[in-house]
């Protein structure tokens, strides 16, 4: 499924709830960005330091999409040098809370896989 089709589903009201949720977190970095932003507001440079594998272009695109989906708030301070800070919105915190049980399931799955590898 292409990125455009998935992004379109983020605003489609005629899909199941899980599809609607997955559409706003689809992509390699959005769940990680949610996780990082749970610890508090971050400047773009801080996000890049915490996620050195992400390019500036991909970070900017993911944050813009997350802002459009009302998951993050972008605050630009009128000072020199210009200061931009990203934080989770209430909607973003609610999504992060909803994903927590899925994350727990993922950690249990990884533990089972590690056990299976060491047992063989």
Protein backbone atom coordinates (compact mmCIF):
# COMPACT_ATOMS: atom_id res chain seq x y z
CA UNK A 1 0.00 0.00 0.00
CA UNK A 2 1.43 3.37 -0.98
CA UNK A 3 2.05 6.28 1.35
CA UNK A 4 -0.66 8.39 -0.32
CA UNK A 5 -3.28 5.68 0.18
CA UNK A 6 -2.35 5.28 3.84
CA UNK A 7 -2.30 9.06 4.43
CA UNK A 8 -5.73 9.30 2.80
CA UNK A 9 -7.09 6.83 5.31
CA UNK A 10 -6.01 9.11 8.14
CA UNK A 11 -9.03 11.30 7.32
CA UNK A 12 -11.39 8.65 5.88
CA UNK A 13 -14.43 8.34 8.15
CA UNK A 14 -15.57 5.13 6.46
CA UNK A 15 -12.89 2.74 7.81
CA UNK A 16 -12.65 0.65 10.95
CA UNK A 17 -11.16 2.28 14.05
CA UNK A 18 -7.93 0.26 13.94
CA UNK A 19 -7.33 1.30 10.32
CA UNK A 20 -7.94 4.95 11.29
CA UNK A 21 -5.45 4.67 14.15
CA UNK A 22 -2.81 2.85 12.09
CA UNK A 23 -3.12 5.46 9.33
CA UNK A 24 -1.87 8.24 11.63
CA UNK A 25 1.08 6.22 12.97
CA UNK A 26 2.04 4.56 9.69
CA UNK A 27 5.66 4.95 8.78
CA UNK A 28 8.97 4.03 10.28
CA UNK A 29 9.36 6.92 12.73
CA UNK A 30 5.99 8.11 14.02
CA UNK A 31 5.61 5.63 16.88
CA UNK A 32 9.21 6.32 17.91
CA UNK A 33 8.57 10.06 17.80
CA UNK A 34 5.46 9.58 19.95
CA UNK A 35 7.57 7.61 22.42
CA UNK A 36 10.33 10.25 22.54
CA UNK A 37 7.85 13.13 22.88
CA UNK A 38 6.16 11.37 25.80
CA UNK A 39 9.19 12.44 27.88
CA UNK A 40 8.39 16.10 27.22
CA UNK A 41 8.76 18.88 24.65
CA UNK A 42 11.71 18.57 22.30
CA UNK A 43 13.48 20.83 19.83
CA UNK A 44 14.17 19.34 16.37
CA UNK A 45 17.90 19.13 17.11
CA UNK A 46 17.19 17.16 20.29
CA UNK A 47 14.98 14.78 18.32
CA UNK A 48 17.75 14.23 15.75
CA UNK A 49 20.28 13.57 18.53
CA UNK A 50 17.96 11.03 20.16
CA UNK A 51 17.21 9.44 16.77
CA UNK A 52 20.48 9.74 14.83
CA UNK A 53 19.26 7.40 12.07
CA UNK A 54 16.48 9.77 10.96
CA UNK A 55 17.24 12.32 8.26
CA UNK A 56 16.21 15.93 8.69
CA UNK A 57 13.85 15.64 5.71
CA UNK A 58 12.08 12.56 7.08
CA UNK A 59 11.89 14.08 10.58
CA UNK A 60 10.32 17.26 9.20
CA UNK A 61 7.84 15.30 7.08
CA UNK A 62 6.82 13.01 9.96
CA UNK A 63 6.38 15.94 12.36
CA UNK A 64 4.30 17.87 9.80
CA UNK A 65 2.03 14.87 9.27
CA UNK A 66 1.73 14.34 13.02
CA UNK A 67 0.90 18.03 13.45
CA UNK A 68 -1.72 17.77 10.69
CA UNK A 69 -3.19 14.74 12.49
CA UNK A 70 -3.23 16.77 15.74
CA UNK A 71 -0.80 14.46 17.53
CA UNK A 72 1.92 17.07 18.07
CA UNK A 73 1.95 20.80 18.68
CA UNK A 74 4.61 22.96 17.04
CA UNK A 75 5.54 26.09 18.97
CA UNK A 76 7.76 28.68 17.29
CA UNK A 77 9.25 31.27 19.62
CA UNK A 78 9.81 34.74 18.20
CA UNK A 79 13.44 35.11 19.17
CA UNK A 80 16.80 34.96 17.47
CA UNK A 81 17.93 32.40 16.73
CA UNK A 82 14.46 31.05 16.04
CA UNK A 83 13.42 28.34 18.48
CA UNK A 84 10.92 25.61 17.57
CA UNK A 85 9.62 23.10 20.10
CA UNK A 86 7.43 20.05 19.49
CA UNK A 87 5.22 18.49 22.14
CA UNK A 88 2.41 15.98 22.29
CA UNK A 89 -1.12 17.31 22.20
CA UNK A 90 -3.79 15.81 24.44
CA UNK A 91 -4.83 13.79 21.39
CA UNK A 92 -1.24 12.56 20.95
CA UNK A 93 -0.96 11.60 24.63
CA UNK A 94 -4.24 9.70 24.33
CA UNK A 95 -2.86 7.79 21.33
CA UNK A 96 0.39 7.04 23.18
CA UNK A 97 -1.63 5.69 26.12
CA UNK A 98 -3.73 3.57 23.75
CA UNK A 99 -0.56 2.15 22.15
CA UNK A 100 1.03 1.23 25.50
CA UNK A 101 -0.69 -2.21 25.71
CA UNK A 102 0.35 -2.93 22.12
CA UNK A 103 3.92 -2.03 23.05
CA UNK A 104 3.75 -4.36 26.04
CA UNK A 105 2.56 -7.14 23.73
CA UNK A 106 5.46 -6.40 21.38
CA UNK A 107 8.01 -6.65 24.23
CA UNK A 108 6.52 -10.00 25.30
CA UNK A 109 6.76 -11.22 21.70
CA UNK A 110 10.40 -10.16 21.46
CA UNK A 111 11.15 -11.98 24.73
CA UNK A 112 9.53 -15.17 23.36
CA UNK A 113 11.57 -14.89 20.16
CA UNK A 114 14.78 -14.42 22.17
CA UNK A 115 13.93 -17.45 24.32
CA UNK A 116 13.27 -19.54 21.22
CA UNK A 117 16.66 -18.51 19.74
CA UNK A 118 18.59 -19.39 22.89
CA UNK A 119 16.73 -22.70 23.25
CA UNK A 120 17.72 -23.85 19.76
